[in-house]
């Protein structure tokens, strides 16, 4: 395996880690508007991800930075062609972060309710847009012989892409419901477990249809294995959730996310961005990569920094591992 192929794998790992962690994060954000019945329960849901949501986004920064440095042609074509959707994702992530930080700055109910609506809306929209983006990356978009994107925004909103967006929302919300059941106590925990059952079925239908479509269009034996792992893990997660084995259910829902994302990258390789106009114009790991010297320097930097980041983030999750409920929200117990 040469350096460009190694960095393709590393970037795939970074994106997979981002969707595993930020996936339940987005899911909990969606549940603040669908599962929570009152202000206290919304506070509980927000507090389950409050200590970790910003750390989860480090994986996005790392994935974007690694793509820019390792595959500048891929980065340039991706960000020029997907400019409007990616700007919308960026704006939503900014608003979402501000909502987490500003929601509790004033006691007025209207102030807090508006920020809670922002958390719900941006979580839903970002999850959908990431699904649309990756569906287009794998299926292919109009790229000319100069590796420039030649389409418009409407070219990114085909049936396959929209199905990918819906599948991402369903899968992340299922992942978030399982995480909520793992991190809470009381009635909200029981309702999260019930919601996870229905969301898991929805994720299976939408995600299964999307991945099978992708497999039929551009898949291979390796992506088919990953798809089978995702399906088996989803069934096991639903079984664990039904039995109240919340820890196992969360691990298995994470496996579903990891396997689903892996199937997309396995279907994509050795391309990094296929052209829907002519396969000869595809961006590949070879023609889109940086120089070997750049990739060697990056490899050394990644080998030194990545373990530290993983250890620190693991420590954060360990510190904030306990369950919470409305009785733990100080101002609600007076």
C-alpha atoms as a PDB file:
ATOM      1  CA  UNK A   1       0.000   0.000   0.000  1.00  0.00           C
ATOM      2  CA  UNK A   2       1.517   3.352  -1.050  1.00  0.00           C
ATOM      3  CA  UNK A   3       1.240   6.673   0.802  1.00  0.00           C
ATOM      4  CA  UNK A   4      -1.765   8.048  -1.134  1.00  0.00           C
ATOM      5  CA  UNK A   5      -3.694   4.845  -0.391  1.00  0.00           C
ATOM      6  CA  UNK A   6      -2.681   4.994   3.273  1.00  0.00           C
ATOM      7  CA  UNK A   7      -3.939   8.568   3.514  1.00  0.00           C
ATOM      8  CA  UNK A   8      -7.187   7.641   1.813  1.00  0.00           C
ATOM      9  CA  UNK A   9      -7.677   5.054   4.566  1.00  0.00           C
ATOM     10  CA  UNK A  10      -6.724   7.558   7.285  1.00  0.00           C
ATOM     11  CA  UNK A  11      -9.146  10.163   5.940  1.00  0.00           C
ATOM     12  CA  UNK A  12     -11.855   7.495   5.807  1.00  0.00           C
ATOM     13  CA  UNK A  13     -11.101   6.697   9.464  1.00  0.00           C
ATOM     14  CA  UNK A  14     -11.352  10.388  10.401  1.00  0.00           C
ATOM     15  CA  UNK A  15     -14.715  10.784   8.661  1.00  0.00           C
ATOM     16  CA  UNK A  16     -15.945   7.543  10.205  1.00  0.00           C
ATOM     17  CA  UNK A  17     -14.894   8.712  13.673  1.00  0.00           C
ATOM     18  CA  UNK A  18     -16.631  12.034  13.072  1.00  0.00           C
ATOM     19  CA  UNK A  19     -19.912  10.404  12.055  1.00  0.00           C
ATOM     20  CA  UNK A  20     -19.735   7.895  14.918  1.00  0.00           C
ATOM     21  CA  UNK A  21     -19.297  10.656  17.515  1.00  0.00           C
ATOM     22  CA  UNK A  22     -21.147  13.563  15.961  1.00  0.00           C
ATOM     23  CA  UNK A  23     -23.815  11.154  14.729  1.00  0.00           C
ATOM     24  CA  UNK A  24     -25.309  10.567  18.176  1.00  0.00           C
ATOM     25  CA  UNK A  25     -24.639  14.237  18.897  1.00  0.00           C
ATOM     26  CA  UNK A  26     -26.840  15.271  15.956  1.00  0.00           C
ATOM     27  CA  UNK A  27     -29.359  12.612  16.936  1.00  0.00           C
ATOM     28  CA  UNK A  28     -29.728  13.992  20.442  1.00  0.00           C
ATOM     29  CA  UNK A  29     -30.157  17.465  18.934  1.00  0.00           C
ATOM     30  CA  UNK A  30     -33.041  16.169  16.805  1.00  0.00           C
ATOM     31  CA  UNK A  31     -34.573  14.455  19.845  1.00  0.00           C
ATOM     32  CA  UNK A  32     -34.703  17.757  21.745  1.00  0.00           C
ATOM     33  CA  UNK A  33     -37.555  18.685  19.427  1.00  0.00           C
ATOM     34  CA  UNK A  34     -39.253  15.296  19.175  1.00  0.00           C
ATOM     35  CA  UNK A  35     -38.650  13.251  22.335  1.00  0.00           C
ATOM     36  CA  UNK A  36     -38.453  15.901  25.065  1.00  0.00           C
ATOM     37  CA  UNK A  37     -41.833  16.881  26.497  1.00  0.00           C
ATOM     38  CA  UNK A  38     -40.872  19.968  28.460  1.00  0.00           C
ATOM     39  CA  UNK A  39     -38.080  22.380  29.245  1.00  0.00           C
ATOM     40  CA  UNK A  40     -36.575  20.118  31.895  1.00  0.00           C
ATOM     41  CA  UNK A  41     -36.262  17.148  29.543  1.00  0.00           C
ATOM     42  CA  UNK A  42     -34.718  19.345  26.866  1.00  0.00           C
ATOM     43  CA  UNK A  43     -32.163  20.433  29.452  1.00  0.00           C
ATOM     44  CA  UNK A  44     -31.392  16.804  30.214  1.00  0.00           C
ATOM     45  CA  UNK A  45     -30.876  15.949  26.553  1.00  0.00           C
ATOM     46  CA  UNK A  46     -28.655  18.960  25.957  1.00  0.00           C
ATOM     47  CA  UNK A  47     -26.618  18.142  29.065  1.00  0.00           C
ATOM     48  CA  UNK A  48     -25.937  14.584  27.872  1.00  0.00           C
ATOM     49  CA  UNK A  49     -23.877  15.992  24.996  1.00  0.00           C
ATOM     50  CA  UNK A  50     -22.910  19.334  26.543  1.00  0.00           C
ATOM     51  CA  UNK A  51     -19.415  18.247  27.675  1.00  0.00           C
ATOM     52  CA  UNK A  52     -18.514  16.434  24.426  1.00  0.00           C
ATOM     53  CA  UNK A  53     -20.155  18.021  21.379  1.00  0.00           C
ATOM     54  CA  UNK A  54     -17.300  20.451  20.699  1.00  0.00           C
ATOM     55  CA  UNK A  55     -14.678  17.721  21.076  1.00  0.00           C
ATOM     56  CA  UNK A  56     -16.577  15.616  18.558  1.00  0.00           C
ATOM     57  CA  UNK A  57     -16.146  18.349  15.964  1.00  0.00           C
ATOM     58  CA  UNK A  58     -12.365  18.049  16.219  1.00  0.00           C
ATOM     59  CA  UNK A  59     -12.724  14.999  13.967  1.00  0.00           C
ATOM     60  CA  UNK A  60     -14.349  17.153  11.277  1.00  0.00           C
ATOM     61  CA  UNK A  61     -11.532  19.690  11.439  1.00  0.00           C
ATOM     62  CA  UNK A  62      -8.968  16.904  11.231  1.00  0.00           C
ATOM     63  CA  UNK A  63     -10.752  15.248   8.297  1.00  0.00           C
ATOM     64  CA  UNK A  64     -11.034  18.513   6.388  1.00  0.00           C
ATOM     65  CA  UNK A  65      -7.426  19.474   7.102  1.00  0.00           C
ATOM     66  CA  UNK A  66      -6.122  16.047   6.118  1.00  0.00           C
ATOM     67  CA  UNK A  67      -8.100  16.144   2.869  1.00  0.00           C
ATOM     68  CA  UNK A  68      -6.692  19.590   2.043  1.00  0.00           C
ATOM     69  CA  UNK A  69      -3.099  18.528   2.707  1.00  0.00           C
ATOM     70  CA  UNK A  70      -3.131  14.965   1.352  1.00  0.00           C
ATOM     71  CA  UNK A  71      -5.481  15.398  -1.627  1.00  0.00           C
ATOM     72  CA  UNK A  72      -5.533  19.069  -2.688  1.00  0.00           C
ATOM     73  CA  UNK A  73      -7.226  18.292  -6.031  1.00  0.00           C
ATOM     74  CA  UNK A  74     -10.021  16.461  -4.214  1.00  0.00           C
ATOM     75  CA  UNK A  75     -10.384  19.299  -1.715  1.00  0.00           C
ATOM     76  CA  UNK A  76     -10.474  21.968  -4.439  1.00  0.00           C
ATOM     77  CA  UNK A  77     -13.057  20.188  -6.579  1.00  0.00           C
ATOM     78  CA  UNK A  78     -15.178  19.212  -3.582  1.00  0.00           C
ATOM     79  CA  UNK A  79     -15.297  22.665  -2.018  1.00  0.00           C
ATOM     80  CA  UNK A  80     -15.863  24.482  -5.309  1.00  0.00           C
ATOM     81  CA  UNK A  81     -18.601  22.124  -6.477  1.00  0.00           C
ATOM     82  CA  UNK A  82     -20.293  21.743  -3.091  1.00  0.00           C
ATOM     83  CA  UNK A  83     -19.734  25.358  -2.079  1.00  0.00           C
ATOM     84  CA  UNK A  84     -23.316  26.296  -1.133  1.00  0.00           C
ATOM     85  CA  UNK A  85     -24.153  23.067   0.760  1.00  0.00           C
ATOM     86  CA  UNK A  86     -20.851  23.188   2.642  1.00  0.00           C
ATOM     87  CA  UNK A  87     -21.323  26.856   3.544  1.00  0.00           C
ATOM     88  CA  UNK A  88     -24.804  25.991   4.808  1.00  0.00           C
ATOM     89  CA  UNK A  89     -23.332  23.164   6.894  1.00  0.00           C
ATOM     90  CA  UNK A  90     -20.724  25.564   8.286  1.00  0.00           C
ATOM     91  CA  UNK A  91     -23.343  28.184   9.166  1.00  0.00           C
ATOM     92  CA  UNK A  92     -25.506  25.540  10.859  1.00  0.00           C
ATOM     93  CA  UNK A  93     -22.561  24.247  12.881  1.00  0.00           C
ATOM     94  CA  UNK A  94     -21.751  27.800  13.992  1.00  0.00           C
ATOM     95  CA  UNK A  95     -25.353  28.534  14.969  1.00  0.00           C
ATOM     96  CA  UNK A  96     -25.581  25.176  16.738  1.00  0.00           C
ATOM     97  CA  UNK A  97     -22.431  25.870  18.757  1.00  0.00           C
ATOM     98  CA  UNK A  98     -23.647  29.349  19.666  1.00  0.00           C
ATOM     99  CA  UNK A  99     -27.005  27.860  20.720  1.00  0.00           C
ATOM    100  CA  UNK A 100     -25.317  25.453  23.138  1.00  0.00           C
ATOM    101  CA  UNK A 101     -23.289  28.271  24.696  1.00  0.00           C
ATOM    102  CA  UNK A 102     -25.895  31.058  24.706  1.00  0.00           C
ATOM    103  CA  UNK A 103     -29.028  29.140  25.631  1.00  0.00           C
ATOM    104  CA  UNK A 104     -28.472  29.428  29.373  1.00  0.00           C
ATOM    105  CA  UNK A 105     -27.147  33.000  29.377  1.00  0.00           C
ATOM    106  CA  UNK A 106     -30.581  34.477  30.077  1.00  0.00           C
ATOM    107  CA  UNK A 107     -33.451  33.028  32.154  1.00  0.00           C
ATOM    108  CA  UNK A 108     -36.348  34.088  29.903  1.00  0.00           C
ATOM    109  CA  UNK A 109     -38.264  31.098  28.538  1.00  0.00           C
ATOM    110  CA  UNK A 110     -38.603  32.611  25.061  1.00  0.00           C
ATOM    111  CA  UNK A 111     -34.852  33.185  24.828  1.00  0.00           C
ATOM    112  CA  UNK A 112     -34.089  29.590  25.788  1.00  0.00           C
ATOM    113  CA  UNK A 113     -36.851  28.160  23.587  1.00  0.00           C
ATOM    114  CA  UNK A 114     -35.518  29.968  20.515  1.00  0.00           C
ATOM    115  CA  UNK A 115     -32.016  28.561  21.044  1.00  0.00           C
ATOM    116  CA  UNK A 116     -33.494  25.104  21.608  1.00  0.00           C
ATOM    117  CA  UNK A 117     -35.304  25.402  18.268  1.00  0.00           C
ATOM    118  CA  UNK A 118     -31.967  26.355  16.718  1.00  0.00           C
ATOM    119  CA  UNK A 119     -30.323  23.218  18.147  1.00  0.00           C
ATOM    120  CA  UNK A 120     -33.088  21.014  16.747  1.00  0.00           C
ATOM    121  CA  UNK A 121     -33.185  22.655  13.309  1.00  0.00           C
ATOM    122  CA  UNK A 122     -29.427  22.798  12.754  1.00  0.00           C
ATOM    123  CA  UNK A 123     -28.894  19.218  13.974  1.00  0.00           C
ATOM    124  CA  UNK A 124     -31.546  17.950  11.564  1.00  0.00           C
ATOM    125  CA  UNK A 125     -30.307  20.022   8.633  1.00  0.00           C
ATOM    126  CA  UNK A 126     -26.616  19.197   9.061  1.00  0.00           C
ATOM    127  CA  UNK A 127     -27.317  15.461   9.335  1.00  0.00           C
ATOM    128  CA  UNK A 128     -29.383  15.628   6.143  1.00  0.00           C
ATOM    129  CA  UNK A 129     -26.786  17.657   4.245  1.00  0.00           C
ATOM    130  CA  UNK A 130     -23.914  15.345   5.181  1.00  0.00           C
ATOM    131  CA  UNK A 131     -25.947  12.421   3.843  1.00  0.00           C
ATOM    132  CA  UNK A 132     -26.603  14.308   0.604  1.00  0.00           C
ATOM    133  CA  UNK A 133     -22.930  15.286   0.259  1.00  0.00           C
ATOM    134  CA  UNK A 134     -21.512  11.802   0.703  1.00  0.00           C
ATOM    135  CA  UNK A 135     -24.152  10.256  -1.542  1.00  0.00           C
ATOM    136  CA  UNK A 136     -22.992  12.597  -4.306  1.00  0.00           C
ATOM    137  CA  UNK A 137     -19.307  11.948  -3.640  1.00  0.00           C
ATOM    138  CA  UNK A 138     -19.748   8.197  -4.006  1.00  0.00           C
ATOM    139  CA  UNK A 139     -22.205   8.217  -6.921  1.00  0.00           C
ATOM    140  CA  UNK A 140     -20.315  10.867  -8.878  1.00  0.00           C
ATOM    141  CA  UNK A 141     -20.922  14.444  -9.983  1.00  0.00           C
ATOM    142  CA  UNK A 142     -20.287  16.384 -13.214  1.00  0.00           C
ATOM    143  CA  UNK A 143     -16.500  16.824 -13.361  1.00  0.00           C
ATOM    144  CA  UNK A 144     -14.773  17.921 -16.554  1.00  0.00           C
ATOM    145  CA  UNK A 145     -11.374  16.949 -17.990  1.00  0.00           C
ATOM    146  CA  UNK A 146      -9.706  19.739 -15.995  1.00  0.00           C
ATOM    147  CA  UNK A 147     -11.111  18.231 -12.764  1.00  0.00           C
ATOM    148  CA  UNK A 148     -13.452  21.193 -12.319  1.00  0.00           C
ATOM    149  CA  UNK A 149     -17.052  20.772 -11.191  1.00  0.00           C
ATOM    150  CA  UNK A 150     -19.327  21.708 -14.109  1.00  0.00           C
ATOM    151  CA  UNK A 151     -22.793  21.282 -12.569  1.00  0.00           C
ATOM    152  CA  UNK A 152     -24.979  23.386 -10.285  1.00  0.00           C
ATOM    153  CA  UNK A 153     -26.742  22.948  -6.957  1.00  0.00           C
ATOM    154  CA  UNK A 154     -29.693  21.085  -8.512  1.00  0.00           C
ATOM    155  CA  UNK A 155     -27.291  18.402  -9.756  1.00  0.00           C
ATOM    156  CA  UNK A 156     -26.631  17.568  -6.089  1.00  0.00           C
ATOM    157  CA  UNK A 157     -30.299  16.957  -5.282  1.00  0.00           C
ATOM    158  CA  UNK A 158     -31.067  13.803  -7.220  1.00  0.00           C
ATOM    159  CA  UNK A 159     -33.146  10.917  -5.789  1.00  0.00           C
ATOM    160  CA  UNK A 160     -30.075   8.982  -4.634  1.00  0.00           C
ATOM    161  CA  UNK A 161     -28.701  12.023  -2.796  1.00  0.00           C
ATOM    162  CA  UNK A 162     -32.028  12.851  -1.139  1.00  0.00           C
ATOM    163  CA  UNK A 163     -32.386   9.241  -0.018  1.00  0.00           C
ATOM    164  CA  UNK A 164     -28.869   9.459   1.411  1.00  0.00           C
ATOM    165  CA  UNK A 165     -29.858  12.547   3.375  1.00  0.00           C
ATOM    166  CA  UNK A 166     -32.993  10.907   4.771  1.00  0.00           C
ATOM    167  CA  UNK A 167     -31.015   7.761   5.669  1.00  0.00           C
ATOM    168  CA  UNK A 168     -28.409   9.830   7.520  1.00  0.00           C
ATOM    169  CA  UNK A 169     -31.085  11.608   9.566  1.00  0.00           C
ATOM    170  CA  UNK A 170     -32.763   8.314  10.495  1.00  0.00           C
ATOM    171  CA  UNK A 171     -29.486   6.581  11.370  1.00  0.00           C
ATOM    172  CA  UNK A 172     -28.093   9.450  13.432  1.00  0.00           C
ATOM    173  CA  UNK A 173     -31.371   9.927  15.292  1.00  0.00           C
ATOM    174  CA  UNK A 174     -31.459   6.203  16.088  1.00  0.00           C
ATOM    175  CA  UNK A 175     -27.851   6.431  17.297  1.00  0.00           C
ATOM    176  CA  UNK A 176     -28.814   9.459  19.402  1.00  0.00           C
ATOM    177  CA  UNK A 177     -31.854   7.710  20.913  1.00  0.00           C
ATOM    178  CA  UNK A 178     -29.709   4.762  21.989  1.00  0.00           C
ATOM    179  CA  UNK A 179     -27.167   7.181  23.484  1.00  0.00           C
ATOM    180  CA  UNK A 180     -29.975   9.012  25.311  1.00  0.00           C
ATOM    181  CA  UNK A 181     -31.228   5.743  26.807  1.00  0.00           C
ATOM    182  CA  UNK A 182     -27.682   4.998  27.931  1.00  0.00           C
ATOM    183  CA  UNK A 183     -27.116   8.417  29.518  1.00  0.00           C
ATOM    184  CA  UNK A 184     -30.420   9.205  31.236  1.00  0.00           C
ATOM    185  CA  UNK A 185     -32.661   7.948  34.024  1.00  0.00           C
ATOM    186  CA  UNK A 186     -36.392   7.951  34.604  1.00  0.00           C
ATOM    187  CA  UNK A 187     -39.214   8.276  32.109  1.00  0.00           C
ATOM    188  CA  UNK A 188     -37.117   9.909  29.399  1.00  0.00           C
ATOM    189  CA  UNK A 189     -34.832   6.868  29.430  1.00  0.00           C
ATOM    190  CA  UNK A 190     -37.756   4.517  28.852  1.00  0.00           C
ATOM    191  CA  UNK A 191     -39.201   6.677  26.089  1.00  0.00           C
ATOM    192  CA  UNK A 192     -35.798   6.967  24.424  1.00  0.00           C
ATOM    193  CA  UNK A 193     -35.550   3.179  24.360  1.00  0.00           C
ATOM    194  CA  UNK A 194     -39.012   2.893  22.795  1.00  0.00           C
ATOM    195  CA  UNK A 195     -38.178   5.597  20.260  1.00  0.00           C
ATOM    196  CA  UNK A 196     -34.942   3.814  19.381  1.00  0.00           C
ATOM    197  CA  UNK A 197     -36.930   0.765  18.312  1.00  0.00           C
ATOM    198  CA  UNK A 198     -38.972   2.680  15.747  1.00  0.00           C
ATOM    199  CA  UNK A 199     -36.022   4.781  14.617  1.00  0.00           C
ATOM    200  CA  UNK A 200     -33.939   1.651  14.124  1.00  0.00           C
ATOM    201  CA  UNK A 201     -36.557   0.226  11.796  1.00  0.00           C
ATOM    202  CA  UNK A 202     -36.666   3.519   9.867  1.00  0.00           C
ATOM    203  CA  UNK A 203     -32.862   3.559   9.664  1.00  0.00           C
ATOM    204  CA  UNK A 204     -32.907  -0.019   8.404  1.00  0.00           C
ATOM    205  CA  UNK A 205     -35.444   0.736   5.658  1.00  0.00           C
ATOM    206  CA  UNK A 206     -33.949   4.044   4.480  1.00  0.00           C
ATOM    207  CA  UNK A 207     -30.319   3.136   5.083  1.00  0.00           C
ATOM    208  CA  UNK A 208     -30.756  -0.304   3.564  1.00  0.00           C
ATOM    209  CA  UNK A 209     -32.360   1.134   0.443  1.00  0.00           C
ATOM    210  CA  UNK A 210     -29.620   3.757   0.106  1.00  0.00           C
ATOM    211  CA  UNK A 211     -26.712   1.371   0.630  1.00  0.00           C
ATOM    212  CA  UNK A 212     -28.201  -1.278  -1.683  1.00  0.00           C
ATOM    213  CA  UNK A 213     -28.682   1.367  -4.358  1.00  0.00           C
ATOM    214  CA  UNK A 214     -25.076   2.497  -3.872  1.00  0.00           C
ATOM    215  CA  UNK A 215     -23.875  -1.106  -3.936  1.00  0.00           C
ATOM    216  CA  UNK A 216     -25.729  -1.801  -7.175  1.00  0.00           C
ATOM    217  CA  UNK A 217     -24.387   1.379  -8.741  1.00  0.00           C
ATOM    218  CA  UNK A 218     -20.727   1.367  -7.716  1.00  0.00           C
ATOM    219  CA  UNK A 219     -20.145  -1.270  -5.056  1.00  0.00           C
ATOM    220  CA  UNK A 220     -17.761  -4.201  -4.886  1.00  0.00           C
ATOM    221  CA  UNK A 221     -17.170  -7.258  -2.731  1.00  0.00           C
ATOM    222  CA  UNK A 222     -15.565  -5.275   0.102  1.00  0.00           C
ATOM    223  CA  UNK A 223     -18.373  -2.736   0.308  1.00  0.00           C
ATOM    224  CA  UNK A 224     -20.903  -5.595   0.256  1.00  0.00           C
ATOM    225  CA  UNK A 225     -19.227  -7.155   3.313  1.00  0.00           C
ATOM    226  CA  UNK A 226     -19.402  -3.801   5.132  1.00  0.00           C
ATOM    227  CA  UNK A 227     -23.077  -3.496   4.186  1.00  0.00           C
ATOM    228  CA  UNK A 228     -23.760  -6.965   5.596  1.00  0.00           C
ATOM    229  CA  UNK A 229     -21.960  -6.040   8.833  1.00  0.00           C
ATOM    230  CA  UNK A 230     -24.098  -2.890   9.122  1.00  0.00           C
ATOM    231  CA  UNK A 231     -27.298  -4.898   8.640  1.00  0.00           C
ATOM    232  CA  UNK A 232     -26.287  -7.548  11.197  1.00  0.00           C
ATOM    233  CA  UNK A 233     -25.223  -4.886  13.717  1.00  0.00           C
ATOM    234  CA  UNK A 234     -28.534  -3.050  13.306  1.00  0.00           C
ATOM    235  CA  UNK A 235     -30.521  -6.189  14.037  1.00  0.00           C
ATOM    236  CA  UNK A 236     -28.328  -6.908  17.058  1.00  0.00           C
ATOM    237  CA  UNK A 237     -28.661  -3.300  18.274  1.00  0.00           C
ATOM    238  CA  UNK A 238     -32.449  -3.484  18.057  1.00  0.00           C
ATOM    239  CA  UNK A 239     -32.388  -6.753  20.004  1.00  0.00           C
ATOM    240  CA  UNK A 240     -30.109  -5.318  22.695  1.00  0.00           C
ATOM    241  CA  UNK A 241     -32.261  -2.195  22.936  1.00  0.00           C
ATOM    242  CA  UNK A 242     -35.440  -4.265  23.329  1.00  0.00           C
ATOM    243  CA  UNK A 243     -33.827  -6.194  26.198  1.00  0.00           C
ATOM    244  CA  UNK A 244     -32.663  -3.010  27.927  1.00  0.00           C
ATOM    245  CA  UNK A 245     -28.978  -3.735  27.288  1.00  0.00           C
ATOM    246  CA  UNK A 246     -28.242  -0.093  26.583  1.00  0.00           C
ATOM    247  CA  UNK A 247     -24.469  -0.296  26.641  1.00  0.00           C
ATOM    248  CA  UNK A 248     -24.422  -3.048  24.049  1.00  0.00           C
ATOM    249  CA  UNK A 249     -27.110  -1.283  22.036  1.00  0.00           C
ATOM    250  CA  UNK A 250     -24.950   1.844  21.818  1.00  0.00           C
ATOM    251  CA  UNK A 251     -21.840  -0.112  20.846  1.00  0.00           C
ATOM    252  CA  UNK A 252     -23.794  -1.915  18.145  1.00  0.00           C
ATOM    253  CA  UNK A 253     -25.461   1.255  16.827  1.00  0.00           C
ATOM    254  CA  UNK A 254     -21.949   2.667  16.580  1.00  0.00           C
ATOM    255  CA  UNK A 255     -20.913  -0.386  14.571  1.00  0.00           C
ATOM    256  CA  UNK A 256     -23.834   0.312  12.224  1.00  0.00           C
ATOM    257  CA  UNK A 257     -22.573   3.856  11.616  1.00  0.00           C
ATOM    258  CA  UNK A 258     -18.967   2.715  11.177  1.00  0.00           C
ATOM    259  CA  UNK A 259     -19.876  -0.103   8.786  1.00  0.00           C
ATOM    260  CA  UNK A 260     -22.240   2.095   6.755  1.00  0.00           C
ATOM    261  CA  UNK A 261     -19.606   4.816   6.296  1.00  0.00           C
ATOM    262  CA  UNK A 262     -16.950   2.178   5.564  1.00  0.00           C
ATOM    263  CA  UNK A 263     -19.147   0.699   2.831  1.00  0.00           C
ATOM    264  CA  UNK A 264     -19.283   4.104   1.130  1.00  0.00           C
ATOM    265  CA  UNK A 265     -15.509   4.582   1.202  1.00  0.00           C
ATOM    266  CA  UNK A 266     -14.933   1.007   0.045  1.00  0.00           C
ATOM    267  CA  UNK A 267     -17.319   1.572  -2.859  1.00  0.00           C
ATOM    268  CA  UNK A 268     -15.511   4.830  -3.666  1.00  0.00           C
ATOM    269  CA  UNK A 269     -11.919   3.505  -3.680  1.00  0.00           C
ATOM    270  CA  UNK A 270      -9.674   3.936  -5.682  1.00  0.00           C
ATOM    271  CA  UNK A 271     -11.539   7.073  -6.734  1.00  0.00           C
ATOM    272  CA  UNK A 272     -11.918   9.992  -4.370  1.00  0.00           C
ATOM    273  CA  UNK A 273     -14.498  11.792  -6.518  1.00  0.00           C
ATOM    274  CA  UNK A 274     -15.911  10.094  -9.624  1.00  0.00           C
ATOM    275  CA  UNK A 275     -17.022  12.033 -12.676  1.00  0.00           C
ATOM    276  CA  UNK A 276     -20.546  11.318 -13.885  1.00  0.00           C
ATOM    277  CA  UNK A 277     -19.532  12.599 -17.341  1.00  0.00           C
ATOM    278  CA  UNK A 278     -16.593  10.341 -18.154  1.00  0.00           C
ATOM    279  CA  UNK A 279     -14.743   7.797 -15.952  1.00  0.00           C
ATOM    280  CA  UNK A 280     -11.471   9.018 -17.501  1.00  0.00           C
ATOM    281  CA  UNK A 281     -12.012  12.307 -15.658  1.00  0.00           C
ATOM    282  CA  UNK A 282     -12.376  10.714 -12.209  1.00  0.00           C
ATOM    283  CA  UNK A 283     -10.305  12.056  -9.349  1.00  0.00           C
ATOM    284  CA  UNK A 284      -8.349   9.132  -7.885  1.00  0.00           C
ATOM    285  CA  UNK A 285      -5.996   8.567  -4.982  1.00  0.00           C
ATOM    286  CA  UNK A 286      -3.107   8.897  -7.418  1.00  0.00           C
ATOM    287  CA  UNK A 287      -3.981  11.916  -9.556  1.00  0.00           C
ATOM    288  CA  UNK A 288      -5.441  13.963  -6.665  1.00  0.00           C
ATOM    289  CA  UNK A 289      -2.730  13.409  -4.041  1.00  0.00           C
ATOM    290  CA  UNK A 290       0.064  15.621  -2.750  1.00  0.00           C
ATOM    291  CA  UNK A 291       3.755  14.906  -3.262  1.00  0.00           C
ATOM    292  CA  UNK A 292       5.338  11.919  -1.480  1.00  0.00           C
ATOM    293  CA  UNK A 293       7.405  14.299   0.685  1.00  0.00           C
ATOM    294  CA  UNK A 294       4.249  16.080   1.915  1.00  0.00           C
ATOM    295  CA  UNK A 295       2.566  12.776   2.690  1.00  0.00           C
ATOM    296  CA  UNK A 296       5.617  11.524   4.624  1.00  0.00           C
ATOM    297  CA  UNK A 297       5.673  14.656   6.807  1.00  0.00           C
ATOM    298  CA  UNK A 298       1.931  14.316   7.410  1.00  0.00           C
ATOM    299  CA  UNK A 299       2.338  10.682   8.390  1.00  0.00           C
ATOM    300  CA  UNK A 300       4.879  11.522  11.085  1.00  0.00           C
ATOM    301  CA  UNK A 301       2.715  14.363  12.434  1.00  0.00           C
ATOM    302  CA  UNK A 302      -0.373  12.161  12.516  1.00  0.00           C
ATOM    303  CA  UNK A 303       1.500   9.357  14.279  1.00  0.00           C
ATOM    304  CA  UNK A 304       2.531  11.765  17.048  1.00  0.00           C
ATOM    305  CA  UNK A 305      -0.676  13.786  17.485  1.00  0.00           C
ATOM    306  CA  UNK A 306      -3.508  11.308  16.932  1.00  0.00           C
ATOM    307  CA  UNK A 307      -2.925   9.097  20.017  1.00  0.00           C
ATOM    308  CA  UNK A 308      -2.891  12.186  22.266  1.00  0.00           C
ATOM    309  CA  UNK A 309      -6.177  13.454  20.857  1.00  0.00           C
ATOM    310  CA  UNK A 310      -7.833  10.039  21.199  1.00  0.00           C
ATOM    311  CA  UNK A 311      -6.605   9.631  24.785  1.00  0.00           C
ATOM    312  CA  UNK A 312      -7.811  13.075  25.791  1.00  0.00           C
ATOM    313  CA  UNK A 313     -11.232  12.583  24.238  1.00  0.00           C
ATOM    314  CA  UNK A 314     -11.559   9.145  25.815  1.00  0.00           C
ATOM    315  CA  UNK A 315     -10.733  10.680  29.193  1.00  0.00           C
ATOM    316  CA  UNK A 316     -13.466  13.302  28.663  1.00  0.00           C
ATOM    317  CA  UNK A 317     -16.093  10.634  28.040  1.00  0.00           C
ATOM    318  CA  UNK A 318     -14.922   8.736  31.125  1.00  0.00           C
ATOM    319  CA  UNK A 319     -15.224  11.807  33.367  1.00  0.00           C
ATOM    320  CA  UNK A 320     -18.772  12.554  32.135  1.00  0.00           C
ATOM    321  CA  UNK A 321     -19.935   8.930  32.017  1.00  0.00           C
ATOM    322  CA  UNK A 322     -22.740   9.086  34.634  1.00  0.00           C
ATOM    323  CA  UNK A 323     -26.435   9.137  33.820  1.00  0.00           C
ATOM    324  CA  UNK A 324     -28.521  12.265  34.411  1.00  0.00           C
ATOM    325  CA  UNK A 325     -32.202  13.086  34.796  1.00  0.00           C
ATOM    326  CA  UNK A 326     -34.439  16.039  35.559  1.00  0.00           C
ATOM    327  CA  UNK A 327     -33.648  15.635  39.258  1.00  0.00           C
ATOM    328  CA  UNK A 328     -30.041  16.535  38.490  1.00  0.00           C
ATOM    329  CA  UNK A 329     -30.988  19.917  36.968  1.00  0.00           C
ATOM    330  CA  UNK A 330     -30.514  22.230  39.938  1.00  0.00           C
ATOM    331  CA  UNK A 331     -33.021  24.988  39.065  1.00  0.00           C
ATOM    332  CA  UNK A 332     -35.746  22.407  38.359  1.00  0.00           C
ATOM    333  CA  UNK A 333     -35.523  20.875  41.848  1.00  0.00           C
ATOM    334  CA  UNK A 334     -36.343  24.059  43.754  1.00  0.00           C
END
